[in-house]
Amino acid sequence: MSSSFVIDLDAERREVQHPDGIPVKFRGEQFILPAELPAAALDPILSDELDLVGLLGDVINSADGDAGIKDVVNALFRRPSLPRKFLEAIRETYAILLEDQTEDFLKRKPSVPDYVRLTTGLARVYGVELGKLFRSADSSETAGATSSPTSPTTTESTPDASGFVPDNPHSLDSDD
């Protein structure tokens, strides 16, 4: 009897495309981040102390599922230490990703927009979307026979392989 695996964790991974890690150019220096997003890198952002999931729940509950900017701002004012804690969680996340390069990275004094651009670029390379991470399991299910495609053609918006890399890997570089 031959065995086949439903989930093959040994299948081709991003390390094949980036065997030496993901190079990131920042203020004239190159930093190398892991080819695969370590699960531990999400720990600071998902910590109980930060409680972003609780914040999102409060916002959704207070607005009966139809949250607007006002609801988000009100929820933030109920947690005045959240912005500082969130920034610290971001720094901790990048310390995990950068490992022994962290000190050199921080010497270049990354700004909030730098962190946003880096996070956005890495989310594309890693193939991680926080919205999908937190979406409830039943939100993407179809209703069965009554469901129909939203368009007659399909698009290639989701990579087939775990190691999606944009056609132009230099498009993630920022010279500004």
C-alpha atoms as a PDB file:
ATOM      1  CA  MET A   1       0.000   0.000   0.000  1.00  0.00           C
ATOM      2  CA  SER A   2       1.472   3.335  -0.982  1.00  0.00           C
ATOM      3  CA  SER A   3       1.062   6.248   1.344  1.00  0.00           C
ATOM      4  CA  SER A   4       0.306   9.756   0.223  1.00  0.00           C
ATOM      5  CA  PHE A   5       0.300  12.871   2.318  1.00  0.00           C
ATOM      6  CA  VAL A   6      -2.595  15.262   2.437  1.00  0.00           C
ATOM      7  CA  ILE A   7      -0.349  17.919   3.906  1.00  0.00           C
ATOM      8  CA  ASP A   8       3.304  17.675   2.919  1.00  0.00           C
ATOM      9  CA  LEU A   9       5.339  20.034   5.080  1.00  0.00           C
ATOM     10  CA  ASP A  10       8.456  18.901   3.215  1.00  0.00           C
ATOM     11  CA  ALA A  11       7.120  20.188  -0.123  1.00  0.00           C
ATOM     12  CA  GLU A  12       8.869  23.045  -1.899  1.00  0.00           C
ATOM     13  CA  ARG A  13       8.937  26.052   0.367  1.00  0.00           C
ATOM     14  CA  ARG A  14       9.960  29.675   0.144  1.00  0.00           C
ATOM     15  CA  GLU A  15      13.508  28.644   1.154  1.00  0.00           C
ATOM     16  CA  VAL A  16      13.908  27.219  -2.341  1.00  0.00           C
ATOM     17  CA  GLN A  17      13.294  30.655  -3.863  1.00  0.00           C
ATOM     18  CA  HIS A  18      15.167  32.527  -1.116  1.00  0.00           C
ATOM     19  CA  PRO A  19      17.723  30.014   0.203  1.00  0.00           C
ATOM     20  CA  ASP A  20      19.696  32.773   1.935  1.00  0.00           C
ATOM     21  CA  GLY A  21      16.638  34.619   3.280  1.00  0.00           C
ATOM     22  CA  ILE A  22      14.713  37.649   2.041  1.00  0.00           C
ATOM     23  CA  PRO A  23      16.976  40.637   1.390  1.00  0.00           C
ATOM     24  CA  VAL A  24      15.645  44.007   2.543  1.00  0.00           C
ATOM     25  CA  LYS A  25      17.355  47.260   1.588  1.00  0.00           C
ATOM     26  CA  PHE A  26      17.057  50.006   4.193  1.00  0.00           C
ATOM     27  CA  ARG A  27      18.999  53.268   4.234  1.00  0.00           C
ATOM     28  CA  GLY A  28      21.936  51.898   2.285  1.00  0.00           C
ATOM     29  CA  GLU A  29      22.221  48.656   4.246  1.00  0.00           C
ATOM     30  CA  GLN A  30      20.989  45.173   3.371  1.00  0.00           C
ATOM     31  CA  PHE A  31      19.232  43.079   5.991  1.00  0.00           C
ATOM     32  CA  ILE A  32      18.289  39.425   5.582  1.00  0.00           C
ATOM     33  CA  LEU A  33      14.984  38.193   6.990  1.00  0.00           C
ATOM     34  CA  PRO A  34      13.957  34.530   7.240  1.00  0.00           C
ATOM     35  CA  ALA A  35      12.579  32.971   4.061  1.00  0.00           C
ATOM     36  CA  GLU A  36       9.588  31.646   6.011  1.00  0.00           C
ATOM     37  CA  LEU A  37       7.678  33.707   8.578  1.00  0.00           C
ATOM     38  CA  PRO A  38       8.434  32.172  11.978  1.00  0.00           C
ATOM     39  CA  ALA A  39       5.246  31.609  13.981  1.00  0.00           C
ATOM     40  CA  ALA A  40       6.960  33.198  16.990  1.00  0.00           C
ATOM     41  CA  ALA A  41       7.131  36.492  15.073  1.00  0.00           C
ATOM     42  CA  LEU A  42       3.366  36.900  15.538  1.00  0.00           C
ATOM     43  CA  ASP A  43       3.491  36.336  19.321  1.00  0.00           C
ATOM     44  CA  PRO A  44       4.140  39.992  20.281  1.00  0.00           C
ATOM     45  CA  ILE A  45       1.250  41.231  18.129  1.00  0.00           C
ATOM     46  CA  LEU A  46      -1.150  38.533  19.317  1.00  0.00           C
ATOM     47  CA  SER A  47      -0.178  38.819  23.001  1.00  0.00           C
ATOM     48  CA  ASP A  48      -2.835  38.932  25.700  1.00  0.00           C
ATOM     49  CA  GLU A  49      -1.225  42.111  27.062  1.00  0.00           C
ATOM     50  CA  LEU A  50      -1.716  43.924  23.749  1.00  0.00           C
ATOM     51  CA  ASP A  51      -5.169  42.349  23.251  1.00  0.00           C
ATOM     52  CA  LEU A  52      -5.708  43.456  19.652  1.00  0.00           C
ATOM     53  CA  VAL A  53      -8.244  40.685  19.180  1.00  0.00           C
ATOM     54  CA  GLY A  54     -10.182  42.055  22.185  1.00  0.00           C
ATOM     55  CA  LEU A  55      -9.992  45.558  20.712  1.00  0.00           C
ATOM     56  CA  LEU A  56     -11.380  44.326  17.399  1.00  0.00           C
ATOM     57  CA  GLY A  57     -14.143  42.477  19.240  1.00  0.00           C
ATOM     58  CA  ASP A  58     -15.054  45.600  21.231  1.00  0.00           C
ATOM     59  CA  VAL A  59     -15.170  47.719  18.088  1.00  0.00           C
ATOM     60  CA  ILE A  60     -17.373  45.226  16.257  1.00  0.00           C
ATOM     61  CA  ASN A  61     -19.673  44.688  19.251  1.00  0.00           C
ATOM     62  CA  SER A  62     -20.064  48.404  19.979  1.00  0.00           C
ATOM     63  CA  ALA A  63     -21.027  49.099  16.386  1.00  0.00           C
ATOM     64  CA  ASP A  64     -23.253  46.033  15.898  1.00  0.00           C
ATOM     65  CA  GLY A  65     -20.858  44.784  13.219  1.00  0.00           C
ATOM     66  CA  ASP A  66     -20.832  48.074  11.286  1.00  0.00           C
ATOM     67  CA  ALA A  67     -17.744  49.771  12.752  1.00  0.00           C
ATOM     68  CA  GLY A  68     -16.570  53.140  11.556  1.00  0.00           C
ATOM     69  CA  ILE A  69     -13.664  55.420  12.371  1.00  0.00           C
ATOM     70  CA  LYS A  70     -15.525  56.869  15.376  1.00  0.00           C
ATOM     71  CA  ASP A  71     -15.920  53.389  16.890  1.00  0.00           C
ATOM     72  CA  VAL A  72     -12.234  52.599  16.408  1.00  0.00           C
ATOM     73  CA  VAL A  73     -11.157  55.925  17.947  1.00  0.00           C
ATOM     74  CA  ASN A  74     -13.492  55.407  20.925  1.00  0.00           C
ATOM     75  CA  ALA A  75     -12.080  51.917  21.487  1.00  0.00           C
ATOM     76  CA  LEU A  76      -8.531  53.312  21.348  1.00  0.00           C
ATOM     77  CA  PHE A  77      -9.358  56.016  23.917  1.00  0.00           C
ATOM     78  CA  ARG A  78     -10.552  53.254  26.264  1.00  0.00           C
ATOM     79  CA  ARG A  79      -7.031  51.774  25.907  1.00  0.00           C
ATOM     80  CA  PRO A  80      -4.691  54.789  26.123  1.00  0.00           C
ATOM     81  CA  SER A  81      -1.534  52.671  26.438  1.00  0.00           C
ATOM     82  CA  LEU A  82      -2.342  50.631  23.306  1.00  0.00           C
ATOM     83  CA  PRO A  83      -0.425  52.734  20.727  1.00  0.00           C
ATOM     84  CA  ARG A  84       2.778  52.534  22.806  1.00  0.00           C
ATOM     85  CA  LYS A  85       2.289  48.796  23.420  1.00  0.00           C
ATOM     86  CA  PHE A  86       1.557  48.218  19.734  1.00  0.00           C
ATOM     87  CA  LEU A  87       4.741  49.995  18.662  1.00  0.00           C
ATOM     88  CA  GLU A  88       6.725  47.904  21.155  1.00  0.00           C
ATOM     89  CA  ALA A  89       5.093  44.733  19.763  1.00  0.00           C
ATOM     90  CA  ILE A  90       6.151  45.771  16.254  1.00  0.00           C
ATOM     91  CA  ARG A  91       9.725  46.290  17.456  1.00  0.00           C
ATOM     92  CA  GLU A  92       9.684  42.872  19.171  1.00  0.00           C
ATOM     93  CA  THR A  93       8.350  41.248  16.008  1.00  0.00           C
ATOM     94  CA  TYR A  94      11.136  42.736  13.925  1.00  0.00           C
ATOM     95  CA  ALA A  95      13.718  41.764  16.559  1.00  0.00           C
ATOM     96  CA  ILE A  96      12.564  38.157  16.067  1.00  0.00           C
ATOM     97  CA  LEU A  97      12.796  38.482  12.283  1.00  0.00           C
ATOM     98  CA  LEU A  98      16.106  40.344  12.237  1.00  0.00           C
ATOM     99  CA  GLU A  99      17.786  38.320  15.006  1.00  0.00           C
ATOM    100  CA  ASP A 100      21.410  39.502  15.325  1.00  0.00           C
ATOM    101  CA  GLN A 101      20.827  42.350  12.827  1.00  0.00           C
ATOM    102  CA  THR A 102      18.364  44.165  15.099  1.00  0.00           C
ATOM    103  CA  GLU A 103      20.845  46.651  16.577  1.00  0.00           C
ATOM    104  CA  ASP A 104      22.115  47.698  13.130  1.00  0.00           C
ATOM    105  CA  PHE A 105      18.538  48.068  11.891  1.00  0.00           C
ATOM    106  CA  LEU A 106      17.508  50.236  14.859  1.00  0.00           C
ATOM    107  CA  LYS A 107      20.620  52.424  14.447  1.00  0.00           C
ATOM    108  CA  ARG A 108      19.065  53.540  11.165  1.00  0.00           C
ATOM    109  CA  LYS A 109      16.083  54.890  13.135  1.00  0.00           C
ATOM    110  CA  PRO A 110      13.152  53.379  11.236  1.00  0.00           C
ATOM    111  CA  SER A 111      10.108  55.636  11.123  1.00  0.00           C
ATOM    112  CA  VAL A 112       6.508  54.529  11.417  1.00  0.00           C
ATOM    113  CA  PRO A 113       6.138  54.789   7.603  1.00  0.00           C
ATOM    114  CA  ASP A 114       9.293  52.623   7.256  1.00  0.00           C
ATOM    115  CA  TYR A 115       7.683  49.935   9.426  1.00  0.00           C
ATOM    116  CA  VAL A 116       4.441  50.207   7.427  1.00  0.00           C
ATOM    117  CA  ARG A 117       6.256  49.828   4.071  1.00  0.00           C
ATOM    118  CA  LEU A 118       8.369  46.956   5.380  1.00  0.00           C
ATOM    119  CA  THR A 119       5.360  45.173   6.858  1.00  0.00           C
ATOM    120  CA  THR A 120       3.337  45.636   3.673  1.00  0.00           C
ATOM    121  CA  GLY A 121       6.175  44.317   1.509  1.00  0.00           C
ATOM    122  CA  LEU A 122       6.825  41.344   3.785  1.00  0.00           C
ATOM    123  CA  ALA A 123       3.113  40.502   3.923  1.00  0.00           C
ATOM    124  CA  ARG A 124       3.181  40.182   0.117  1.00  0.00           C
ATOM    125  CA  VAL A 125       6.345  38.073   0.113  1.00  0.00           C
ATOM    126  CA  TYR A 126       5.252  35.880   3.033  1.00  0.00           C
ATOM    127  CA  GLY A 127       1.713  35.630   1.667  1.00  0.00           C
ATOM    128  CA  VAL A 128       0.140  36.665   4.987  1.00  0.00           C
ATOM    129  CA  GLU A 129      -2.989  38.763   5.230  1.00  0.00           C
ATOM    130  CA  LEU A 130      -4.036  39.685   8.759  1.00  0.00           C
ATOM    131  CA  GLY A 131      -7.660  40.062   7.662  1.00  0.00           C
ATOM    132  CA  LYS A 132      -7.684  36.425   6.590  1.00  0.00           C
ATOM    133  CA  LEU A 133      -5.853  35.428   9.762  1.00  0.00           C
ATOM    134  CA  PHE A 134      -8.641  36.823  11.968  1.00  0.00           C
ATOM    135  CA  ARG A 135     -11.646  36.084   9.749  1.00  0.00           C
ATOM    136  CA  SER A 136     -14.046  33.547  11.204  1.00  0.00           C
ATOM    137  CA  ALA A 137     -13.968  30.122   9.572  1.00  0.00           C
ATOM    138  CA  ASP A 138     -17.518  30.343   8.207  1.00  0.00           C
ATOM    139  CA  SER A 139     -17.142  33.783   6.602  1.00  0.00           C
ATOM    140  CA  SER A 140     -15.675  32.376   3.401  1.00  0.00           C
ATOM    141  CA  GLU A 141     -17.944  29.394   3.002  1.00  0.00           C
ATOM    142  CA  THR A 142     -20.516  29.407   0.254  1.00  0.00           C
ATOM    143  CA  ALA A 143     -24.198  28.784   0.679  1.00  0.00           C
ATOM    144  CA  GLY A 144     -24.181  25.796  -1.647  1.00  0.00           C
ATOM    145  CA  ALA A 145     -26.237  25.606  -4.811  1.00  0.00           C
ATOM    146  CA  THR A 146     -27.325  29.247  -4.637  1.00  0.00           C
ATOM    147  CA  SER A 147     -23.744  30.513  -4.833  1.00  0.00           C
ATOM    148  CA  SER A 148     -22.328  31.683  -8.132  1.00  0.00           C
ATOM    149  CA  PRO A 149     -19.035  33.190  -9.216  1.00  0.00           C
ATOM    150  CA  THR A 150     -18.806  36.962  -9.002  1.00  0.00           C
ATOM    151  CA  SER A 151     -17.170  37.175 -12.413  1.00  0.00           C
ATOM    152  CA  PRO A 152     -17.011  34.926 -15.459  1.00  0.00           C
ATOM    153  CA  THR A 153     -13.226  34.763 -15.403  1.00  0.00           C
ATOM    154  CA  THR A 154     -10.744  33.897 -12.723  1.00  0.00           C
ATOM    155  CA  THR A 155      -7.769  35.897 -11.621  1.00  0.00           C
ATOM    156  CA  GLU A 156      -4.381  34.969 -10.240  1.00  0.00           C
ATOM    157  CA  SER A 157      -4.742  36.927  -6.999  1.00  0.00           C
ATOM    158  CA  THR A 158      -3.625  34.086  -4.755  1.00  0.00           C
ATOM    159  CA  PRO A 159      -0.290  32.385  -5.354  1.00  0.00           C
ATOM    160  CA  ASP A 160      -0.385  28.661  -6.053  1.00  0.00           C
ATOM    161  CA  ALA A 161       2.769  28.003  -4.086  1.00  0.00           C
ATOM    162  CA  SER A 162       3.780  29.085  -0.631  1.00  0.00           C
ATOM    163  CA  GLY A 163       6.766  30.979  -1.960  1.00  0.00           C
ATOM    164  CA  PHE A 164       5.068  33.739  -3.966  1.00  0.00           C
ATOM    165  CA  VAL A 165       7.486  36.385  -5.114  1.00  0.00           C
ATOM    166  CA  PRO A 166       6.386  39.458  -7.050  1.00  0.00           C
ATOM    167  CA  ASP A 167       7.427  39.485 -10.716  1.00  0.00           C
ATOM    168  CA  ASN A 168       9.833  42.283  -9.868  1.00  0.00           C
ATOM    169  CA  PRO A 169      11.432  41.538  -6.496  1.00  0.00           C
ATOM    170  CA  HIS A 170      13.082  44.968  -6.596  1.00  0.00           C
ATOM    171  CA  SER A 171       9.635  46.563  -6.509  1.00  0.00           C
ATOM    172  CA  LEU A 172       9.766  46.187  -2.732  1.00  0.00           C
ATOM    173  CA  ASP A 173      12.872  48.355  -2.562  1.00  0.00           C
ATOM    174  CA  SER A 174      12.271  51.923  -1.480  1.00  0.00           C
ATOM    175  CA  ASP A 175      14.626  54.700  -2.383  1.00  0.00           C
ATOM    176  CA  ASP A 176      12.638  57.489  -0.743  1.00  0.00           C
END
